[in-house]
Every structure is written in structure tokens, then in C-alpha cells.
N, C-alpha and C. Protein backbone atom coordinates (compact mmCIF):
# COMPACT_ATOMS: atom_id res chain seq x y z
N MET A 1 -20.91 2.52 -30.13
CA MET A 1 -20.37 2.06 -30.04
C MET A 1 -20.53 1.96 -28.20
N GLU A 2 -21.67 3.22 -27.78
CA GLU A 2 -21.61 3.24 -26.20
C GLU A 2 -22.82 1.63 -26.16
N ASP A 3 -23.63 1.57 -27.11
CA ASP A 3 -24.42 0.26 -26.40
C ASP A 3 -23.75 -0.85 -26.22
N GLU A 4 -23.24 -1.16 -27.45
CA GLU A 4 -21.58 -2.05 -27.39
C GLU A 4 -21.07 -2.41 -25.76
N TYR A 5 -20.47 -0.96 -25.20
CA TYR A 5 -19.57 -0.94 -24.20
C TYR A 5 -20.70 -1.19 -22.75
N LYS A 6 -22.28 -0.91 -22.84
CA LYS A 6 -23.07 -0.93 -21.78
C LYS A 6 -23.24 -2.27 -21.79
N GLU A 7 -23.39 -3.17 -22.95
CA GLU A 7 -23.77 -4.08 -22.91
C GLU A 7 -22.66 -5.29 -22.39
N ILE A 8 -21.28 -5.04 -22.45
CA ILE A 8 -20.23 -6.02 -22.34
C ILE A 8 -20.20 -5.21 -21.16
N VAL A 9 -20.00 -4.20 -19.78
CA VAL A 9 -20.17 -3.91 -18.59
C VAL A 9 -20.98 -4.82 -17.96
N ARG A 10 -22.47 -4.82 -18.51
CA ARG A 10 -23.61 -5.79 -17.85
C ARG A 10 -22.78 -7.19 -18.31
N LYS A 11 -22.43 -7.59 -18.94
CA LYS A 11 -22.21 -9.27 -19.46
C LYS A 11 -20.88 -9.68 -18.00
N PHE A 12 -19.89 -8.76 -18.23
CA PHE A 12 -19.07 -8.55 -16.92
C PHE A 12 -19.67 -8.48 -15.79
N ASN A 13 -20.45 -7.84 -15.19
CA ASN A 13 -20.89 -7.86 -14.11
C ASN A 13 -21.68 -8.69 -13.79
N GLU A 14 -22.48 -9.15 -14.58
CA GLU A 14 -23.45 -10.59 -14.63
C GLU A 14 -22.15 -11.72 -13.87
N ILE A 15 -21.40 -12.26 -14.40
CA ILE A 15 -20.25 -13.10 -14.16
C ILE A 15 -19.56 -12.89 -13.10
N TYR A 16 -19.37 -11.41 -12.66
CA TYR A 16 -18.14 -11.27 -11.90
C TYR A 16 -18.83 -11.23 -10.48
N ASN A 17 -20.09 -10.05 -10.08
CA ASN A 17 -20.74 -10.00 -8.89
C ASN A 17 -20.77 -11.65 -8.28
N PRO A 18 -21.52 -12.57 -8.83
CA PRO A 18 -21.45 -13.63 -8.42
C PRO A 18 -19.87 -14.61 -7.39
N LEU A 19 -19.32 -14.55 -8.73
CA LEU A 19 -17.69 -14.99 -8.21
C LEU A 19 -17.26 -13.86 -7.09
N ARG A 20 -17.43 -12.51 -7.40
CA ARG A 20 -16.87 -11.80 -5.92
C ARG A 20 -16.73 -11.97 -4.96
N LYS A 21 -17.91 -12.34 -4.67
CA LYS A 21 -18.94 -12.49 -3.33
C LYS A 21 -18.66 -13.57 -2.85
N ARG A 22 -18.80 -14.90 -4.16
CA ARG A 22 -18.61 -16.59 -3.25
C ARG A 22 -16.55 -16.49 -3.43
N TYR A 23 -15.93 -15.56 -3.70
CA TYR A 23 -14.28 -16.12 -3.69
C TYR A 23 -13.62 -14.77 -2.94
N ASN A 24 -14.40 -14.16 -2.82
CA ASN A 24 -13.65 -12.85 -2.51
C ASN A 24 -12.92 -11.92 -3.05
N LEU A 25 -13.05 -12.13 -4.21
CA LEU A 25 -12.36 -11.19 -5.47
C LEU A 25 -12.50 -9.64 -5.11
N ARG A 26 -11.25 -9.00 -5.76
CA ARG A 26 -11.50 -7.09 -6.19
C ARG A 26 -10.78 -6.98 -7.40
N SER A 27 -11.76 -6.06 -7.85
CA SER A 27 -11.50 -5.95 -9.10
C SER A 27 -10.55 -4.23 -9.30
N HIS A 28 -9.46 -4.14 -10.00
CA HIS A 28 -8.98 -2.65 -10.25
C HIS A 28 -9.18 -2.90 -11.60
N ILE A 29 -10.33 -1.89 -12.18
CA ILE A 29 -10.11 -1.08 -13.37
C ILE A 29 -9.91 0.36 -14.42
N HIS A 30 -8.87 0.28 -14.80
CA HIS A 30 -7.99 1.51 -15.26
C HIS A 30 -8.46 1.71 -16.51
N SER A 31 -9.14 2.84 -17.10
CA SER A 31 -9.61 3.12 -18.30
C SER A 31 -9.06 4.88 -19.00
N SER A 32 -8.10 4.98 -19.59
CA SER A 32 -6.96 6.04 -19.92
C SER A 32 -7.72 7.05 -20.44
N ILE A 33 -7.55 7.96 -20.43
CA ILE A 33 -8.20 9.15 -21.73
C ILE A 33 -7.26 9.22 -22.78
N TYR A 34 -5.94 8.73 -22.76
CA TYR A 34 -4.86 8.96 -23.21
C TYR A 34 -4.77 7.74 -24.19
N GLU A 35 -4.42 8.18 -25.51
CA GLU A 35 -4.19 7.01 -26.29
C GLU A 35 -3.26 6.07 -26.62
N SER A 36 -2.13 7.14 -25.68
CA SER A 36 -0.58 6.10 -25.01
C SER A 36 -0.83 5.30 -24.04
N GLU A 37 -2.02 5.34 -23.38
CA GLU A 37 -2.12 4.33 -22.33
C GLU A 37 -2.65 3.14 -22.48
N ASP A 38 -2.73 1.93 -22.16
CA ASP A 38 -3.39 0.96 -22.50
C ASP A 38 -4.13 0.99 -20.88
N ASP A 39 -5.48 0.42 -21.32
CA ASP A 39 -6.70 0.37 -20.55
C ASP A 39 -6.42 -0.71 -19.64
N LEU A 40 -6.44 -1.03 -18.37
CA LEU A 40 -6.44 -2.32 -17.35
C LEU A 40 -7.67 -3.13 -16.90
N ILE A 41 -7.54 -4.36 -16.74
CA ILE A 41 -8.59 -4.84 -15.76
C ILE A 41 -7.55 -5.75 -14.49
N GLU A 42 -7.83 -5.80 -13.66
CA GLU A 42 -6.76 -6.77 -12.65
C GLU A 42 -8.17 -7.43 -11.89
N ILE A 43 -8.10 -8.43 -11.54
CA ILE A 43 -9.46 -8.91 -10.47
C ILE A 43 -8.04 -10.30 -10.05
N TRP A 44 -8.40 -9.79 -8.47
CA TRP A 44 -7.74 -10.45 -7.16
C TRP A 44 -8.04 -11.50 -6.02
N GLU A 45 -7.58 -12.62 -5.91
CA GLU A 45 -8.48 -13.27 -5.05
C GLU A 45 -8.22 -12.44 -3.64
N TYR A 46 -8.67 -12.51 -2.88
CA TYR A 46 -8.70 -11.90 -1.75
C TYR A 46 -8.74 -13.13 -0.41
N ASN A 47 -8.14 -13.38 0.85
CA ASN A 47 -8.26 -14.09 1.67
C ASN A 47 -8.54 -12.55 3.01
N GLY A 48 -9.05 -12.35 3.47
CA GLY A 48 -9.57 -10.96 4.31
C GLY A 48 -9.48 -9.56 3.93
N GLU A 49 -8.10 -9.36 4.35
CA GLU A 49 -7.22 -8.26 3.90
C GLU A 49 -6.18 -8.37 2.96
N THR A 50 -5.70 -9.80 2.82
CA THR A 50 -4.75 -9.96 2.27
C THR A 50 -5.20 -10.38 0.84
N ARG A 51 -4.30 -9.72 -0.27
CA ARG A 51 -4.06 -10.04 -1.44
C ARG A 51 -3.24 -11.34 -1.73
N GLY A 52 -4.18 -12.25 -2.37
CA GLY A 52 -3.53 -13.17 -2.89
C GLY A 52 -3.46 -13.34 -4.31
N LYS A 53 -4.13 -14.01 -5.43
CA LYS A 53 -3.75 -14.68 -6.71
C LYS A 53 -4.05 -13.83 -7.24
N CYS A 54 -4.00 -13.26 -8.13
CA CYS A 54 -4.18 -12.25 -9.89
C CYS A 54 -4.93 -13.50 -11.09
N ILE A 55 -5.94 -13.33 -11.27
CA ILE A 55 -6.71 -14.83 -11.39
C ILE A 55 -7.00 -13.49 -12.95
N VAL A 56 -7.17 -12.22 -13.22
CA VAL A 56 -7.41 -11.86 -14.27
C VAL A 56 -6.48 -10.44 -14.63
N ARG A 57 -5.38 -10.32 -15.69
CA ARG A 57 -4.90 -9.21 -15.66
C ARG A 57 -4.89 -9.10 -17.58
N GLU A 58 -5.62 -8.10 -17.69
CA GLU A 58 -5.68 -7.68 -19.24
C GLU A 58 -5.44 -6.12 -19.42
N LYS A 59 -4.82 -6.36 -20.71
CA LYS A 59 -4.27 -4.74 -20.49
C LYS A 59 -4.55 -4.73 -22.35
N GLU A 60 -5.21 -3.63 -22.40
CA GLU A 60 -5.77 -3.32 -24.35
C GLU A 60 -5.44 -1.93 -24.32
N THR A 61 -5.36 -1.97 -25.39
CA THR A 61 -5.86 -0.15 -26.12
C THR A 61 -7.13 0.35 -25.87
N GLU A 62 -8.20 -1.06 -25.78
CA GLU A 62 -9.63 -0.57 -25.86
C GLU A 62 -9.98 -1.39 -24.54
N ILE A 63 -10.75 -0.65 -23.99
CA ILE A 63 -11.51 -0.92 -22.61
C ILE A 63 -12.37 -2.03 -22.98
N ILE A 64 -12.76 -1.97 -23.77
CA ILE A 64 -14.38 -2.81 -24.15
C ILE A 64 -13.30 -4.52 -25.02
N ASP A 65 -12.00 -4.00 -25.07
CA ASP A 65 -11.25 -5.43 -24.89
C ASP A 65 -11.06 -6.27 -23.60
N CYS A 66 -10.91 -5.47 -23.01
CA CYS A 66 -10.30 -5.85 -21.95
C CYS A 66 -11.73 -6.28 -21.36
N TYR A 67 -12.78 -6.16 -21.13
CA TYR A 67 -13.96 -6.43 -20.75
C TYR A 67 -14.06 -7.77 -21.72
N LYS A 68 -13.99 -7.80 -22.54
CA LYS A 68 -14.52 -8.96 -23.42
C LYS A 68 -13.61 -9.97 -23.05
N ARG A 69 -12.07 -9.97 -22.88
CA ARG A 69 -10.89 -11.04 -22.64
C ARG A 69 -11.30 -11.55 -20.75
N ALA A 70 -11.72 -9.95 -20.24
CA ALA A 70 -11.70 -10.60 -18.77
C ALA A 70 -12.92 -11.41 -18.20
N ILE A 71 -14.26 -11.74 -18.89
CA ILE A 71 -15.20 -12.38 -19.26
C ILE A 71 -14.84 -13.38 -19.40
N ASP A 72 -14.27 -13.77 -20.43
CA ASP A 72 -13.73 -15.32 -20.95
C ASP A 72 -12.78 -15.77 -19.71
N GLU A 73 -11.50 -14.79 -19.47
CA GLU A 73 -11.39 -15.85 -18.09
C GLU A 73 -11.91 -15.62 -16.87
N LEU A 74 -12.83 -15.46 -16.40
CA LEU A 74 -13.31 -15.62 -15.59
C LEU A 74 -14.86 -16.36 -15.62
N LYS A 75 -14.68 -16.99 -17.10
CA LYS A 75 -15.67 -18.38 -17.27
C LYS A 75 -14.84 -19.39 -16.39
N ASN A 76 -13.61 -19.17 -17.45
CA ASN A 76 -12.55 -20.63 -16.81
C ASN A 76 -12.46 -20.55 -15.66
N TYR A 77 -12.47 -19.54 -14.60
CA TYR A 77 -11.99 -18.99 -13.43
C TYR A 77 -13.30 -20.38 -12.96
N LYS A 78 -14.56 -19.57 -13.06
CA LYS A 78 -15.66 -19.89 -12.38
C LYS A 78 -15.73 -21.74 -12.53
N GLN A 79 -15.62 -22.25 -13.81
CA GLN A 79 -15.37 -23.49 -14.12
C GLN A 79 -14.74 -24.63 -13.62
N GLU A 80 -13.09 -24.05 -13.30
CA GLU A 80 -11.80 -24.47 -12.47
C GLU A 80 -12.40 -24.42 -11.41
N ARG A 81 -13.02 -23.47 -10.77
CA ARG A 81 -13.13 -23.70 -8.56
C ARG A 81 -14.41 -24.31 -8.74
N GLU A 82 -15.51 -24.88 -9.90
CA GLU A 82 -16.42 -25.44 -9.30
C GLU A 82 -16.10 -27.22 -9.77
N GLU A 83 -15.00 -27.44 -10.62
CA GLU A 83 -14.63 -28.68 -10.75
C GLU A 83 -13.86 -29.07 -9.23
N LYS A 84 -12.79 -28.14 -9.36
CA LYS A 84 -12.19 -28.01 -7.81
C LYS A 84 -13.23 -28.87 -6.65
N GLU A 85 -13.99 -27.87 -6.98
CA GLU A 85 -15.01 -28.51 -5.76
C GLU A 85 -16.16 -29.21 -5.35
N HIS A 86 -16.39 -29.46 -6.85
CA HIS A 86 -16.94 -30.62 -7.18
C HIS A 86 -16.04 -32.33 -7.07
N GLY A 87 -15.06 -31.81 -7.36
CA GLY A 87 -14.28 -33.10 -7.48
C GLY A 87 -13.61 -33.40 -5.59
N ARG A 88 -13.56 -32.32 -4.71
CA ARG A 88 -13.71 -31.99 -3.23
C ARG A 88 -14.42 -33.07 -2.67
N SER A 89 -15.78 -32.72 -2.93
CA SER A 89 -17.14 -32.76 -2.44
C SER A 89 -17.63 -34.48 -2.83
N ALA A 90 -17.04 -34.86 -4.20
CA ALA A 90 -17.21 -36.18 -4.96
C ALA A 90 -15.92 -37.24 -3.78
N ALA A 91 -14.75 -36.53 -3.39
CA ALA A 91 -13.96 -37.26 -2.95
C ALA A 91 -14.38 -37.81 -1.17
N MET A 92 -14.97 -37.09 -0.73
CA MET A 92 -15.16 -36.56 0.77
C MET A 92 -16.94 -37.50 0.96
N ALA A 93 -17.52 -38.24 -0.41
CA ALA A 93 -18.84 -38.40 -0.05
C ALA A 93 -18.40 -40.42 -0.52
N GLY A 94 -16.89 -40.42 -0.82
CA GLY A 94 -16.65 -41.59 -1.25
C GLY A 94 -16.56 -42.25 -0.45
């Protein structure tokens, strides 16, 4: 279990960190020791110090499931942002 957790956190950071720097993202990760409380990962876009759009909000009973779903959402976010940027640069070139 611990190895799987370390691996999933590594994968999360691998995709999150470059996006965090490029798009000014900030994360909030809450893992509870209590069974009755859900674990949570939220990732927000920021404009300077102003919080913008929430791009990931995963609430699960297991933190590892939060990370897995957050990774999928970050991949989708990255793809959408890149498509937007390529669309914009293609329009400018044309």
C-alpha cells in the first residue's frame, strides 16, 4: 500500500508541478485520520494573489483515490489549455 501511495504521489507531482508553474496553480490537500471524514484535493488557478477557477476538486474516502482522479483531471486540463493556446497561436499566424 505504501509503495502504491508513493508512486501515485510521484505521478501526481510529475504532472502537477510543471502545470503549477506555467498556469499559476495552487493546491489544497487534506487527508484525515478519521474514517468518517473524506480526503480532499483541490487545485485552483490564481491570478496574482486572487483565487480564480477551481480546476480539480476530488473528495474520496481514500487519499490515493483522490490522487488518481486528480491526475486524470490534470491531464484533461493540460490538454484543454494546450489546445486553446495552439488554437490562438494558429489564429495569430493566419
